[in-house]
Amino acid sequence: MDDKANISFEAALARLEEIVRALESGTAPLDESLAMFEEGVKLVKICTERLDAAEQKIKILVKNKDGSYEEQPFEPAE
């Protein structure tokens, strides 16, 4: 899993869940735990980037007063 740039969101999330379970179990040696933690940080970054990119693609349809529809960018509530 050296080339994480091409990993899908679903695969990154699944691997991240595996890492969390392994770290929560507390059975891995310290060196291995640190390596998994570092991998997890990279996977979180990938997932966040993919979610941000998907959010940028989302459009909403707004009905105008004349009955026509117009696309507008999605702006999430903060």
C-alpha atoms as a PDB file:
ATOM      1  CA  MET A   1       0.000   0.000   0.000  1.00  0.00           C
ATOM      2  CA  ASP A   2       2.878   2.350  -0.795  1.00  0.00           C
ATOM      3  CA  ASP A   3       1.004   4.304  -3.472  1.00  0.00           C
ATOM      4  CA  LYS A   4      -1.843   5.789  -1.472  1.00  0.00           C
ATOM      5  CA  ALA A   5      -2.537   8.554  -4.009  1.00  0.00           C
ATOM      6  CA  ASN A   6      -4.527   6.125  -6.174  1.00  0.00           C
ATOM      7  CA  ILE A   7      -6.445   4.447  -3.361  1.00  0.00           C
ATOM      8  CA  SER A   8     -10.221   4.833  -3.452  1.00  0.00           C
ATOM      9  CA  PHE A   9     -12.069   6.572  -0.642  1.00  0.00           C
ATOM     10  CA  GLU A  10     -13.744   3.304   0.314  1.00  0.00           C
ATOM     11  CA  ALA A  11     -10.448   1.398   0.430  1.00  0.00           C
ATOM     12  CA  ALA A  12      -8.776   4.161   2.451  1.00  0.00           C
ATOM     13  CA  LEU A  13     -11.660   4.189   4.929  1.00  0.00           C
ATOM     14  CA  ALA A  14     -11.645   0.394   5.250  1.00  0.00           C
ATOM     15  CA  ARG A  15      -7.890   0.368   5.908  1.00  0.00           C
ATOM     16  CA  LEU A  16      -8.288   3.186   8.421  1.00  0.00           C
ATOM     17  CA  GLU A  17     -10.924   1.140  10.266  1.00  0.00           C
ATOM     18  CA  GLU A  18      -8.525  -1.825  10.350  1.00  0.00           C
ATOM     19  CA  ILE A  19      -5.804   0.382  11.799  1.00  0.00           C
ATOM     20  CA  VAL A  20      -8.127   1.759  14.463  1.00  0.00           C
ATOM     21  CA  ARG A  21      -9.178  -1.743  15.513  1.00  0.00           C
ATOM     22  CA  ALA A  22      -5.540  -2.883  15.666  1.00  0.00           C
ATOM     23  CA  LEU A  23      -4.470   0.135  17.700  1.00  0.00           C
ATOM     24  CA  GLU A  24      -7.432  -0.210  20.052  1.00  0.00           C
ATOM     25  CA  SER A  25      -6.538  -3.826  20.718  1.00  0.00           C
ATOM     26  CA  GLY A  26      -3.178  -2.699  22.094  1.00  0.00           C
ATOM     27  CA  THR A  27      -1.428  -5.921  21.064  1.00  0.00           C
ATOM     28  CA  ALA A  28       0.969  -4.485  18.470  1.00  0.00           C
ATOM     29  CA  PRO A  29       4.528  -3.579  19.467  1.00  0.00           C
ATOM     30  CA  LEU A  30       5.315   0.130  19.809  1.00  0.00           C
ATOM     31  CA  ASP A  31       7.189   0.413  16.491  1.00  0.00           C
ATOM     32  CA  GLU A  32       4.347  -1.246  14.621  1.00  0.00           C
ATOM     33  CA  SER A  33       1.771   0.910  16.415  1.00  0.00           C
ATOM     34  CA  LEU A  34       3.641   4.069  15.431  1.00  0.00           C
ATOM     35  CA  ALA A  35       3.854   2.935  11.808  1.00  0.00           C
ATOM     36  CA  MET A  36       0.116   2.182  11.768  1.00  0.00           C
ATOM     37  CA  PHE A  37      -0.621   5.552  13.357  1.00  0.00           C
ATOM     38  CA  GLU A  38       1.428   7.339  10.676  1.00  0.00           C
ATOM     39  CA  GLU A  39      -0.367   5.386   7.954  1.00  0.00           C
ATOM     40  CA  GLY A  40      -3.683   6.290   9.563  1.00  0.00           C
ATOM     41  CA  VAL A  41      -2.832   9.992   9.525  1.00  0.00           C
ATOM     42  CA  LYS A  42      -2.074   9.770   5.793  1.00  0.00           C
ATOM     43  CA  LEU A  43      -5.332   7.912   5.174  1.00  0.00           C
ATOM     44  CA  VAL A  44      -7.341  10.509   7.105  1.00  0.00           C
ATOM     45  CA  LYS A  45      -5.792  13.205   4.907  1.00  0.00           C
ATOM     46  CA  ILE A  46      -6.716  11.261   1.760  1.00  0.00           C
ATOM     47  CA  CYS A  47     -10.297  10.726   2.957  1.00  0.00           C
ATOM     48  CA  THR A  48     -10.670  14.398   3.871  1.00  0.00           C
ATOM     49  CA  GLU A  49      -9.353  15.505   0.481  1.00  0.00           C
ATOM     50  CA  ARG A  50     -11.719  13.141  -1.335  1.00  0.00           C
ATOM     51  CA  LEU A  51     -14.708  14.339   0.715  1.00  0.00           C
ATOM     52  CA  ASP A  52     -13.801  17.980   0.105  1.00  0.00           C
ATOM     53  CA  ALA A  53     -13.526  17.322  -3.631  1.00  0.00           C
ATOM     54  CA  ALA A  54     -16.901  15.571  -3.670  1.00  0.00           C
ATOM     55  CA  GLU A  55     -18.484  18.436  -1.759  1.00  0.00           C
ATOM     56  CA  GLN A  56     -17.195  20.868  -4.380  1.00  0.00           C
ATOM     57  CA  LYS A  57     -19.035  18.907  -7.071  1.00  0.00           C
ATOM     58  CA  ILE A  58     -22.406  18.958  -5.347  1.00  0.00           C
ATOM     59  CA  LYS A  59     -24.901  21.394  -6.822  1.00  0.00           C
ATOM     60  CA  ILE A  60     -28.390  22.251  -5.679  1.00  0.00           C
ATOM     61  CA  LEU A  61     -31.341  23.088  -7.858  1.00  0.00           C
ATOM     62  CA  VAL A  62     -33.169  26.263  -6.919  1.00  0.00           C
ATOM     63  CA  LYS A  63     -36.610  27.014  -8.283  1.00  0.00           C
ATOM     64  CA  ASN A  64     -36.880  30.579  -9.562  1.00  0.00           C
ATOM     65  CA  LYS A  65     -39.994  32.740  -9.252  1.00  0.00           C
ATOM     66  CA  ASP A  66     -40.791  32.124 -12.918  1.00  0.00           C
ATOM     67  CA  GLY A  67     -40.843  28.343 -12.339  1.00  0.00           C
ATOM     68  CA  SER A  68     -37.509  27.628 -14.011  1.00  0.00           C
ATOM     69  CA  TYR A  69     -34.667  25.901 -12.186  1.00  0.00           C
ATOM     70  CA  GLU A  70     -31.137  27.102 -11.687  1.00  0.00           C
ATOM     71  CA  GLU A  71     -28.052  25.252 -10.445  1.00  0.00           C
ATOM     72  CA  GLN A  72     -26.153  26.811  -7.592  1.00  0.00           C
ATOM     73  CA  PRO A  73     -23.124  25.594  -5.658  1.00  0.00           C
ATOM     74  CA  PHE A  74     -23.819  23.713  -2.464  1.00  0.00           C
ATOM     75  CA  GLU A  75     -22.823  25.688   0.614  1.00  0.00           C
ATOM     76  CA  PRO A  76     -22.917  23.546   3.739  1.00  0.00           C
ATOM     77  CA  ALA A  77     -24.182  25.058   6.957  1.00  0.00           C
ATOM     78  CA  GLU A  78     -21.410  25.713   9.423  1.00  0.00           C
END
